[in-house]
Amino acid sequence: MIEDFESYSGYGGIIKPGWFPDIVVEGPFNYTGVKISTLLEEFPDLPDSYNITVTSSDDRTNEYNFSQINGNVGVYNGTSNESYTTGGVTMILAYKKEGEYLDETEGPLRIVFINDGEFTSSKLWAKFIVSIEIT
């Protein structure tokens, strides 16, 4: 069970383009879950570089490269659609938001990027996770 792994919590938010020139900002919210890196430690013979493919219950897939898995993604300030830095966030498989289990609009599991309330692109976040494949 996912909660048997060491939990990790932090704040993260989504930034996504709206009707030009507007942007839509959600959060930051406090998410709790398991670091993807913690889950991957269960596979001792991983190559030096790998990708993961995450599949949602609606059959959508998101692919993440080694750099993204390690938090090297664009970070936004929440007021513009331009990245101001890269990295410094942690990719987790979340099962709680604001202390409550994820509901049917997001969960039961979701990929999120957290830190101290940083915003990352909505394209990186995935809902309704049912499987993770190492490629």
C-alpha atoms as a PDB file:
ATOM      1  CA  MET A   1       0.000   0.000   0.000  1.00  0.00           C
ATOM      2  CA  ILE A   2       1.256   3.463  -0.887  1.00  0.00           C
ATOM      3  CA  GLU A   3       0.981   4.721   2.685  1.00  0.00           C
ATOM      4  CA  ASP A   4       3.468   2.079   3.841  1.00  0.00           C
ATOM      5  CA  PHE A   5       6.221   4.199   2.279  1.00  0.00           C
ATOM      6  CA  GLU A   6       7.700   7.247   4.026  1.00  0.00           C
ATOM      7  CA  SER A   7       5.379  10.189   3.435  1.00  0.00           C
ATOM      8  CA  TYR A   8       6.503  13.577   2.154  1.00  0.00           C
ATOM      9  CA  SER A   9       4.539  16.832   2.288  1.00  0.00           C
ATOM     10  CA  GLY A  10       4.909  20.291   0.833  1.00  0.00           C
ATOM     11  CA  TYR A  11       3.164  23.067  -1.010  1.00  0.00           C
ATOM     12  CA  GLY A  12       2.780  23.213  -4.752  1.00  0.00           C
ATOM     13  CA  GLY A  13       0.645  24.993  -7.276  1.00  0.00           C
ATOM     14  CA  ILE A  14      -0.279  24.838 -10.926  1.00  0.00           C
ATOM     15  CA  ILE A  15       0.082  27.534 -13.525  1.00  0.00           C
ATOM     16  CA  LYS A  16      -1.579  27.109 -16.899  1.00  0.00           C
ATOM     17  CA  PRO A  17      -2.308  29.323 -19.846  1.00  0.00           C
ATOM     18  CA  GLY A  18      -5.771  30.841 -20.048  1.00  0.00           C
ATOM     19  CA  TRP A  19      -7.221  33.056 -22.726  1.00  0.00           C
ATOM     20  CA  PHE A  20      -4.297  35.127 -23.959  1.00  0.00           C
ATOM     21  CA  PRO A  21      -2.753  36.974 -22.184  1.00  0.00           C
ATOM     22  CA  ASP A  22      -4.326  35.586 -19.011  1.00  0.00           C
ATOM     23  CA  ILE A  23      -3.043  32.683 -16.969  1.00  0.00           C
ATOM     24  CA  VAL A  24      -4.845  30.424 -14.526  1.00  0.00           C
ATOM     25  CA  VAL A  25      -3.234  29.739 -11.148  1.00  0.00           C
ATOM     26  CA  GLU A  26      -4.346  27.013  -8.743  1.00  0.00           C
ATOM     27  CA  GLY A  27      -2.890  26.800  -5.254  1.00  0.00           C
ATOM     28  CA  PRO A  28      -0.511  26.489  -3.717  1.00  0.00           C
ATOM     29  CA  PHE A  29      -1.974  23.566  -1.786  1.00  0.00           C
ATOM     30  CA  ASN A  30      -0.387  21.272   0.779  1.00  0.00           C
ATOM     31  CA  TYR A  31       0.051  17.808  -0.759  1.00  0.00           C
ATOM     32  CA  THR A  32       1.135  14.616   0.975  1.00  0.00           C
ATOM     33  CA  GLY A  33       2.381  11.531  -0.785  1.00  0.00           C
ATOM     34  CA  VAL A  34       5.505   9.562  -1.576  1.00  0.00           C
ATOM     35  CA  LYS A  35       8.514  10.873  -3.441  1.00  0.00           C
ATOM     36  CA  ILE A  36       8.831   9.207  -6.823  1.00  0.00           C
ATOM     37  CA  SER A  37      12.516   8.717  -5.995  1.00  0.00           C
ATOM     38  CA  THR A  38      11.506   6.727  -2.894  1.00  0.00           C
ATOM     39  CA  LEU A  39       9.296   4.442  -4.985  1.00  0.00           C
ATOM     40  CA  LEU A  40      12.070   3.934  -7.521  1.00  0.00           C
ATOM     41  CA  GLU A  41      14.491   2.843  -4.774  1.00  0.00           C
ATOM     42  CA  GLU A  42      12.509  -0.415  -4.773  1.00  0.00           C
ATOM     43  CA  PHE A  43      14.228  -1.220  -8.100  1.00  0.00           C
ATOM     44  CA  PRO A  44      17.960  -1.566  -7.334  1.00  0.00           C
ATOM     45  CA  ASP A  45      19.118  -2.271 -10.892  1.00  0.00           C
ATOM     46  CA  LEU A  46      17.869   0.896 -12.580  1.00  0.00           C
ATOM     47  CA  PRO A  47      20.100   2.330 -15.299  1.00  0.00           C
ATOM     48  CA  ASP A  48      21.867   5.655 -14.699  1.00  0.00           C
ATOM     49  CA  SER A  49      19.176   7.405 -16.699  1.00  0.00           C
ATOM     50  CA  TYR A  50      15.570   6.293 -17.153  1.00  0.00           C
ATOM     51  CA  ASN A  51      12.102   7.602 -17.847  1.00  0.00           C
ATOM     52  CA  ILE A  52       8.729   6.796 -16.365  1.00  0.00           C
ATOM     53  CA  THR A  53       5.349   6.641 -18.038  1.00  0.00           C
ATOM     54  CA  VAL A  54       2.353   7.406 -15.857  1.00  0.00           C
ATOM     55  CA  THR A  55      -1.083   6.181 -16.935  1.00  0.00           C
ATOM     56  CA  SER A  56      -4.378   7.616 -15.712  1.00  0.00           C
ATOM     57  CA  SER A  57      -7.683   5.791 -15.374  1.00  0.00           C
ATOM     58  CA  ASP A  58      -8.889   7.616 -18.508  1.00  0.00           C
ATOM     59  CA  ASP A  59      -5.919   6.085 -20.436  1.00  0.00           C
ATOM     60  CA  ARG A  60      -4.000   9.356 -20.696  1.00  0.00           C
ATOM     61  CA  THR A  61      -0.255   9.016 -20.341  1.00  0.00           C
ATOM     62  CA  ASN A  62       2.429  11.410 -19.180  1.00  0.00           C
ATOM     63  CA  GLU A  63       6.100  10.682 -19.745  1.00  0.00           C
ATOM     64  CA  TYR A  64       8.787  12.064 -17.467  1.00  0.00           C
ATOM     65  CA  ASN A  65      12.496  12.003 -18.176  1.00  0.00           C
ATOM     66  CA  PHE A  66      15.212  11.500 -15.579  1.00  0.00           C
ATOM     67  CA  SER A  67      15.740  15.228 -15.138  1.00  0.00           C
ATOM     68  CA  GLN A  68      12.035  15.932 -14.536  1.00  0.00           C
ATOM     69  CA  ILE A  69      11.784  13.011 -12.084  1.00  0.00           C
ATOM     70  CA  ASN A  70      14.537  14.722 -10.106  1.00  0.00           C
ATOM     71  CA  GLY A  71      12.671  18.042  -9.965  1.00  0.00           C
ATOM     72  CA  ASN A  72      14.438  19.877 -12.763  1.00  0.00           C
ATOM     73  CA  VAL A  73      11.406  21.583 -14.281  1.00  0.00           C
ATOM     74  CA  GLY A  74      10.453  25.191 -14.934  1.00  0.00           C
ATOM     75  CA  VAL A  75       9.264  27.057 -11.850  1.00  0.00           C
ATOM     76  CA  TYR A  76       6.921  30.044 -12.110  1.00  0.00           C
ATOM     77  CA  ASN A  77       6.126  32.903  -9.743  1.00  0.00           C
ATOM     78  CA  GLY A  78       2.344  32.509 -10.015  1.00  0.00           C
ATOM     79  CA  THR A  79       1.790  35.834 -11.755  1.00  0.00           C
ATOM     80  CA  SER A  80       3.314  35.271 -15.177  1.00  0.00           C
ATOM     81  CA  ASN A  81       3.503  32.487 -17.719  1.00  0.00           C
ATOM     82  CA  GLU A  82       7.303  32.706 -17.808  1.00  0.00           C
ATOM     83  CA  SER A  83       9.598  30.444 -15.866  1.00  0.00           C
ATOM     84  CA  TYR A  84      11.921  32.301 -13.496  1.00  0.00           C
ATOM     85  CA  THR A  85      14.081  29.346 -12.488  1.00  0.00           C
ATOM     86  CA  THR A  86      14.516  25.628 -13.014  1.00  0.00           C
ATOM     87  CA  GLY A  87      14.599  22.921 -10.388  1.00  0.00           C
ATOM     88  CA  GLY A  88      14.204  22.886  -6.655  1.00  0.00           C
ATOM     89  CA  VAL A  89      10.913  21.006  -6.604  1.00  0.00           C
ATOM     90  CA  THR A  90      10.132  17.405  -5.636  1.00  0.00           C
ATOM     91  CA  MET A  91       8.007  15.067  -7.731  1.00  0.00           C
ATOM     92  CA  ILE A  92       5.616  13.035  -5.582  1.00  0.00           C
ATOM     93  CA  LEU A  93       2.762  10.603  -6.004  1.00  0.00           C
ATOM     94  CA  ALA A  94       0.199  12.407  -3.853  1.00  0.00           C
ATOM     95  CA  TYR A  95      -2.731  10.846  -2.043  1.00  0.00           C
ATOM     96  CA  LYS A  96      -3.728  13.797   0.163  1.00  0.00           C
ATOM     97  CA  LYS A  97      -4.412  17.485  -0.411  1.00  0.00           C
ATOM     98  CA  GLU A  98      -4.808  19.835   2.552  1.00  0.00           C
ATOM     99  CA  GLY A  99      -4.819  16.808   4.869  1.00  0.00           C
ATOM    100  CA  GLU A 100      -7.734  15.062   3.128  1.00  0.00           C
ATOM    101  CA  TYR A 101      -7.539  12.117   0.752  1.00  0.00           C
ATOM    102  CA  LEU A 102      -7.812  13.177  -2.881  1.00  0.00           C
ATOM    103  CA  ASP A 103     -11.383  13.095  -4.126  1.00  0.00           C
ATOM    104  CA  GLU A 104     -12.802  11.914  -7.448  1.00  0.00           C
ATOM    105  CA  THR A 105     -11.797  15.183  -9.161  1.00  0.00           C
ATOM    106  CA  GLU A 106      -8.073  14.431  -8.710  1.00  0.00           C
ATOM    107  CA  GLY A 107      -7.395  11.022  -7.236  1.00  0.00           C
ATOM    108  CA  PRO A 108      -7.027   8.674  -5.667  1.00  0.00           C
ATOM    109  CA  LEU A 109      -3.412   9.331  -6.763  1.00  0.00           C
ATOM    110  CA  ARG A 110      -1.880  12.314  -8.515  1.00  0.00           C
ATOM    111  CA  ILE A 111       1.566  13.370  -9.726  1.00  0.00           C
ATOM    112  CA  VAL A 112       2.460  16.765  -8.230  1.00  0.00           C
ATOM    113  CA  PHE A 113       5.571  18.914  -7.895  1.00  0.00           C
ATOM    114  CA  ILE A 114       6.035  20.503  -4.482  1.00  0.00           C
ATOM    115  CA  ASN A 115       8.384  22.732  -2.554  1.00  0.00           C
ATOM    116  CA  ASP A 116       7.610  25.881  -0.606  1.00  0.00           C
ATOM    117  CA  GLY A 117       4.590  26.871  -2.656  1.00  0.00           C
ATOM    118  CA  GLU A 118       6.309  26.972  -6.029  1.00  0.00           C
ATOM    119  CA  PHE A 119       4.203  26.841  -9.193  1.00  0.00           C
ATOM    120  CA  THR A 120       4.900  24.422 -12.027  1.00  0.00           C
ATOM    121  CA  SER A 121       3.234  23.857 -15.376  1.00  0.00           C
ATOM    122  CA  SER A 122      -0.106  22.075 -15.370  1.00  0.00           C
ATOM    123  CA  LYS A 123       1.255  19.906 -18.195  1.00  0.00           C
ATOM    124  CA  LEU A 124       3.477  18.151 -15.642  1.00  0.00           C
ATOM    125  CA  TRP A 125       0.700  17.247 -13.207  1.00  0.00           C
ATOM    126  CA  ALA A 126      -1.318  14.075 -13.826  1.00  0.00           C
ATOM    127  CA  LYS A 127      -4.584  12.965 -12.187  1.00  0.00           C
ATOM    128  CA  PHE A 128      -6.251   9.590 -11.605  1.00  0.00           C
ATOM    129  CA  ILE A 129      -2.982   7.596 -11.644  1.00  0.00           C
ATOM    130  CA  VAL A 130      -3.406   3.831 -11.992  1.00  0.00           C
ATOM    131  CA  SER A 131       0.105   2.761 -13.079  1.00  0.00           C
ATOM    132  CA  ILE A 132       3.717   3.865 -13.351  1.00  0.00           C
ATOM    133  CA  GLU A 133       6.051   2.126 -15.802  1.00  0.00           C
ATOM    134  CA  ILE A 134       9.819   2.507 -15.830  1.00  0.00           C
ATOM    135  CA  THR A 135      11.164   2.812 -19.398  1.00  0.00           C
END
